[in-house]
Amino acid sequence: MKIGDKIPAVLGSDAAGNIITADQFAGKKLIIYFYPKDNTPGCTAEACSLSEGYGRLQAAGYALLGVSKDSAASHEKFAAKYSLPFPLIADVDLTLCKAFGVWQEKKMAGRTYMGVVRTTFIIAEDGTVEHIITKVNTKDSANQILNLNL
């Protein structure tokens, strides 16, 4: 996915099994953030930053979705543990991760493996990608988004 591309019509399902579609966000700006794994330090810091800044993001006209390949049950526990006020999509089959191009080869501690590359997409009111953040500041991601001046 690159700037100017339209997002898929069906985005996936949340922890409660509700189908989430692009049409639900028509006329709103949408933040879709992809993260590697629930309950890991960086992913928890990012989710908490977005949660703390959620009111300001909403006031700026944004809706927010988190996406990882974790299960709905994992998302449910993660969201409850940190009181996350936004839906998390359980992309267990990697459909959305692959559509957005964030399922990539990664290297850590001398080994190579496939995984989700932490990336934030800002979607315009018409459903097109407006901005992509590849160097996410996990501890301050809400402010990073709000300071984009889009």
Protein backbone atom coordinates (compact mmCIF):
# COMPACT_ATOMS: atom_id res chain seq x y z
CA MET A 1 0.00 0.00 0.00
CA LYS A 2 1.31 3.40 -0.91
CA ILE A 3 0.09 7.00 -0.72
CA GLY A 4 -2.97 7.44 -2.94
CA ASP A 5 -4.05 3.76 -2.79
CA LYS A 6 -7.61 2.89 -1.70
CA ILE A 7 -7.86 0.70 1.39
CA PRO A 8 -9.69 -2.66 1.14
CA ALA A 9 -13.49 -2.65 1.56
CA VAL A 10 -13.33 -5.24 4.34
CA LEU A 11 -10.68 -4.60 6.98
CA GLY A 12 -11.27 -7.65 9.19
CA SER A 13 -12.97 -8.44 12.46
CA ASP A 14 -12.43 -7.07 15.95
CA ALA A 15 -11.97 -9.00 19.19
CA ALA A 16 -15.76 -9.42 19.54
CA GLY A 17 -16.05 -10.83 16.01
CA ASN A 18 -17.65 -7.71 14.49
CA ILE A 19 -16.75 -7.20 10.83
CA ILE A 20 -15.05 -3.84 10.26
CA THR A 21 -15.39 -2.24 6.83
CA ALA A 22 -13.92 0.86 5.23
CA ASP A 23 -17.46 2.23 4.71
CA GLN A 24 -17.86 2.57 8.49
CA PHE A 25 -15.22 5.33 8.39
CA ALA A 26 -16.43 7.19 5.29
CA GLY A 27 -16.12 10.93 5.85
CA LYS A 28 -13.63 10.48 8.71
CA LYS A 29 -9.88 10.33 8.78
CA LEU A 30 -8.73 6.88 9.89
CA ILE A 31 -5.53 5.75 11.56
CA ILE A 32 -4.66 2.09 11.00
CA TYR A 33 -1.62 1.07 12.98
CA PHE A 34 0.04 -2.30 12.50
CA TYR A 35 2.08 -3.76 15.34
CA PRO A 36 3.93 -7.07 15.82
CA LYS A 37 2.47 -8.59 19.00
CA ASP A 38 0.15 -7.98 21.94
CA ASN A 39 1.76 -7.52 25.38
CA THR A 40 5.31 -6.85 24.19
CA PRO A 41 7.10 -3.72 25.46
CA GLY A 42 7.09 -1.65 22.26
CA CYS A 43 3.57 -2.65 21.24
CA THR A 44 2.23 -1.94 24.72
CA ALA A 45 3.93 1.49 24.77
CA GLU A 46 2.42 2.32 21.37
CA ALA A 47 -1.09 1.17 22.33
CA CYS A 48 -0.94 3.10 25.61
CA SER A 49 0.29 6.27 23.86
CA LEU A 50 -2.59 6.03 21.39
CA SER A 51 -5.03 5.31 24.20
CA GLU A 52 -3.84 8.31 26.23
CA GLY A 53 -4.08 10.55 23.15
CA TYR A 54 -7.35 9.03 21.91
CA GLY A 55 -9.51 12.01 22.93
CA ARG A 56 -7.20 14.44 21.12
CA LEU A 57 -7.10 12.18 18.05
CA GLN A 58 -10.91 12.02 17.99
CA ALA A 59 -11.13 15.81 18.44
CA ALA A 60 -8.84 16.14 15.39
CA GLY A 61 -11.32 14.02 13.39
CA TYR A 62 -9.59 10.64 13.51
CA ALA A 63 -10.96 7.15 14.06
CA LEU A 64 -8.40 4.52 15.12
CA LEU A 65 -7.82 0.81 14.49
CA GLY A 66 -4.98 -1.42 15.66
CA VAL A 67 -3.97 -4.54 13.70
CA SER A 68 -1.75 -7.51 14.48
CA LYS A 69 -1.78 -11.20 13.67
CA ASP A 70 -2.73 -12.08 17.26
CA SER A 71 -6.00 -13.92 17.91
CA ALA A 72 -9.25 -12.25 18.94
CA ALA A 73 -8.83 -13.74 22.43
CA SER A 74 -5.35 -12.24 22.74
CA HIS A 75 -6.64 -8.85 21.57
CA GLU A 76 -9.53 -9.01 24.02
CA LYS A 77 -7.15 -9.58 26.96
CA PHE A 78 -4.69 -6.93 25.74
CA ALA A 79 -7.42 -4.32 25.25
CA ALA A 80 -8.96 -5.08 28.65
CA LYS A 81 -5.60 -5.04 30.47
CA TYR A 82 -4.75 -1.55 29.15
CA SER A 83 -8.34 -0.19 28.78
CA LEU A 84 -7.87 0.44 25.06
CA PRO A 85 -10.82 2.50 23.74
CA PHE A 86 -10.39 1.51 20.07
CA PRO A 87 -10.89 -1.77 18.17
CA LEU A 88 -8.06 -4.21 17.46
CA ILE A 89 -8.33 -6.30 14.31
CA ALA A 90 -7.29 -9.94 14.64
CA ASP A 91 -5.55 -10.53 11.29
CA VAL A 92 -4.63 -14.15 11.99
CA ASP A 93 -4.62 -15.08 8.29
CA LEU A 94 -2.49 -11.99 7.48
CA THR A 95 -4.91 -10.75 4.79
CA LEU A 96 -4.74 -7.11 5.89
CA CYS A 97 -1.04 -7.21 6.79
CA LYS A 98 -0.22 -8.49 3.31
CA ALA A 99 -2.60 -6.03 1.60
CA PHE A 100 -0.84 -3.13 3.35
CA GLY A 101 2.62 -4.61 2.72
CA VAL A 102 3.66 -4.84 6.38
CA TRP A 103 4.24 -8.63 6.42
CA GLN A 104 7.94 -8.63 5.61
CA GLU A 105 11.22 -10.37 6.24
CA LYS A 106 12.79 -9.20 9.49
CA LYS A 107 16.16 -9.82 11.11
CA MET A 108 16.90 -10.01 14.82
CA ALA A 109 19.67 -11.66 16.83
CA GLY A 110 21.19 -13.14 13.70
CA ARG A 111 18.05 -14.88 12.50
CA THR A 112 15.75 -14.05 9.61
CA TYR A 113 11.99 -14.54 9.86
CA MET A 114 8.70 -13.17 8.56
CA GLY A 115 6.83 -10.71 10.76
CA VAL A 116 4.72 -7.58 10.99
CA VAL A 117 6.72 -4.38 10.48
CA ARG A 118 5.40 -1.65 12.80
CA THR A 119 3.77 0.91 10.50
CA THR A 120 1.03 3.55 10.84
CA PHE A 121 -1.21 4.51 7.93
CA ILE A 122 -3.26 7.72 7.88
CA ILE A 123 -6.32 7.28 5.67
CA ALA A 124 -8.15 10.29 4.19
CA GLU A 125 -11.93 10.74 4.39
CA ASP A 126 -12.31 9.15 0.93
CA GLY A 127 -10.54 5.92 1.95
CA THR A 128 -7.18 6.62 0.31
CA VAL A 129 -3.82 6.40 2.04
CA GLU A 130 -2.72 9.94 2.86
CA HIS A 131 0.44 9.36 4.92
CA ILE A 132 2.60 6.43 6.06
CA ILE A 133 4.74 6.44 9.21
CA THR A 134 7.48 3.82 9.07
CA LYS A 135 9.59 5.15 11.94
CA VAL A 136 6.97 4.94 14.67
CA ASN A 137 7.75 6.55 18.02
CA THR A 138 6.10 3.92 20.23
CA LYS A 139 6.22 6.04 23.40
CA ASP A 140 4.72 9.11 21.71
CA SER A 141 2.79 7.83 18.71
CA ALA A 142 -0.36 9.91 19.33
CA ASN A 143 1.64 13.14 19.26
CA GLN A 144 3.64 11.88 16.27
CA ILE A 145 0.36 11.59 14.35
CA LEU A 146 -1.09 14.87 15.62
CA ASN A 147 2.10 16.73 14.63
CA LEU A 148 1.98 15.62 10.98
CA ASN A 149 0.20 18.81 9.84
CA LEU A 150 -1.94 17.02 7.27
